[in-house]
């Protein structure tokens, strides 16, 4: 869970790289972060390439 972890557009790339290789992620909560539209798009692109299916995304 990454809820309220102060994720911003500047550090979003690091998190999205981790998502691309995570084989165990089933829930992702990005609420209460000031990411902006471009950062959300980056996360979504990473999730498209993810190896395991995500069951819950907030």
C-alpha atoms as a PDB file:
ATOM      1  CA  UNK A   1       0.000   0.000   0.000  1.00  0.00           C
ATOM      2  CA  UNK A   2       1.357   3.389  -0.995  1.00  0.00           C
ATOM      3  CA  UNK A   3      -1.483   5.485   0.405  1.00  0.00           C
ATOM      4  CA  UNK A   4      -0.252   8.854   1.651  1.00  0.00           C
ATOM      5  CA  UNK A   5       3.421   8.126   0.908  1.00  0.00           C
ATOM      6  CA  UNK A   6       4.080  11.526  -0.689  1.00  0.00           C
ATOM      7  CA  UNK A   7       4.503  10.085  -4.178  1.00  0.00           C
ATOM      8  CA  UNK A   8       5.045  12.949  -6.606  1.00  0.00           C
ATOM      9  CA  UNK A   9       5.679  13.063 -10.347  1.00  0.00           C
ATOM     10  CA  UNK A  10       9.420  13.341  -9.673  1.00  0.00           C
ATOM     11  CA  UNK A  11       9.691   9.988  -7.860  1.00  0.00           C
ATOM     12  CA  UNK A  12       6.947   8.155  -9.746  1.00  0.00           C
ATOM     13  CA  UNK A  13       9.400   6.588 -12.221  1.00  0.00           C
ATOM     14  CA  UNK A  14      11.154   4.679  -9.436  1.00  0.00           C
ATOM     15  CA  UNK A  15       7.886   3.231  -8.171  1.00  0.00           C
ATOM     16  CA  UNK A  16       6.682   2.327 -11.650  1.00  0.00           C
ATOM     17  CA  UNK A  17       9.926   0.426 -12.330  1.00  0.00           C
ATOM     18  CA  UNK A  18       9.281  -1.617  -9.215  1.00  0.00           C
ATOM     19  CA  UNK A  19       5.741  -2.370 -10.380  1.00  0.00           C
ATOM     20  CA  UNK A  20       7.043  -3.724 -13.681  1.00  0.00           C
ATOM     21  CA  UNK A  21       8.983  -6.461 -11.904  1.00  0.00           C
ATOM     22  CA  UNK A  22       6.741  -7.251  -8.920  1.00  0.00           C
ATOM     23  CA  UNK A  23       5.278 -10.755  -9.202  1.00  0.00           C
ATOM     24  CA  UNK A  24       3.311 -10.719  -5.937  1.00  0.00           C
ATOM     25  CA  UNK A  25       1.358  -7.475  -6.007  1.00  0.00           C
ATOM     26  CA  UNK A  26      -2.391  -7.959  -5.727  1.00  0.00           C
ATOM     27  CA  UNK A  27      -3.489  -4.652  -4.126  1.00  0.00           C
ATOM     28  CA  UNK A  28      -2.268  -1.151  -4.881  1.00  0.00           C
ATOM     29  CA  UNK A  29      -3.588   1.946  -3.102  1.00  0.00           C
ATOM     30  CA  UNK A  30      -2.175   5.219  -4.419  1.00  0.00           C
ATOM     31  CA  UNK A  31      -4.760   7.462  -2.778  1.00  0.00           C
ATOM     32  CA  UNK A  32      -3.727  10.598  -0.899  1.00  0.00           C
ATOM     33  CA  UNK A  33      -0.687  11.220  -3.112  1.00  0.00           C
ATOM     34  CA  UNK A  34      -0.082  14.368  -5.181  1.00  0.00           C
ATOM     35  CA  UNK A  35       1.015  12.544  -8.324  1.00  0.00           C
ATOM     36  CA  UNK A  36      -0.768  14.423 -11.091  1.00  0.00           C
ATOM     37  CA  UNK A  37      -2.049  13.111 -14.410  1.00  0.00           C
ATOM     38  CA  UNK A  38       1.329  12.273 -15.986  1.00  0.00           C
ATOM     39  CA  UNK A  39       2.428  10.248 -12.970  1.00  0.00           C
ATOM     40  CA  UNK A  40      -0.836   8.289 -12.964  1.00  0.00           C
ATOM     41  CA  UNK A  41      -0.327   7.522 -16.660  1.00  0.00           C
ATOM     42  CA  UNK A  42       3.182   6.258 -15.866  1.00  0.00           C
ATOM     43  CA  UNK A  43       1.785   3.922 -13.201  1.00  0.00           C
ATOM     44  CA  UNK A  44      -0.908   2.667 -15.553  1.00  0.00           C
ATOM     45  CA  UNK A  45       1.641   1.891 -18.254  1.00  0.00           C
ATOM     46  CA  UNK A  46       3.730  -0.033 -15.726  1.00  0.00           C
ATOM     47  CA  UNK A  47       0.683  -1.991 -14.608  1.00  0.00           C
ATOM     48  CA  UNK A  48      -0.105  -2.973 -18.202  1.00  0.00           C
ATOM     49  CA  UNK A  49       3.275  -4.708 -18.343  1.00  0.00           C
ATOM     50  CA  UNK A  50       3.035  -6.237 -14.899  1.00  0.00           C
ATOM     51  CA  UNK A  51       3.630  -9.968 -14.624  1.00  0.00           C
ATOM     52  CA  UNK A  52       0.923 -10.743 -12.035  1.00  0.00           C
ATOM     53  CA  UNK A  53      -2.662  -9.526 -12.214  1.00  0.00           C
ATOM     54  CA  UNK A  54      -3.666  -6.744  -9.897  1.00  0.00           C
ATOM     55  CA  UNK A  55      -6.918  -7.419  -8.048  1.00  0.00           C
ATOM     56  CA  UNK A  56      -7.488  -4.052  -6.342  1.00  0.00           C
ATOM     57  CA  UNK A  57      -6.317  -0.630  -7.544  1.00  0.00           C
ATOM     58  CA  UNK A  58      -7.267   2.583  -5.726  1.00  0.00           C
END
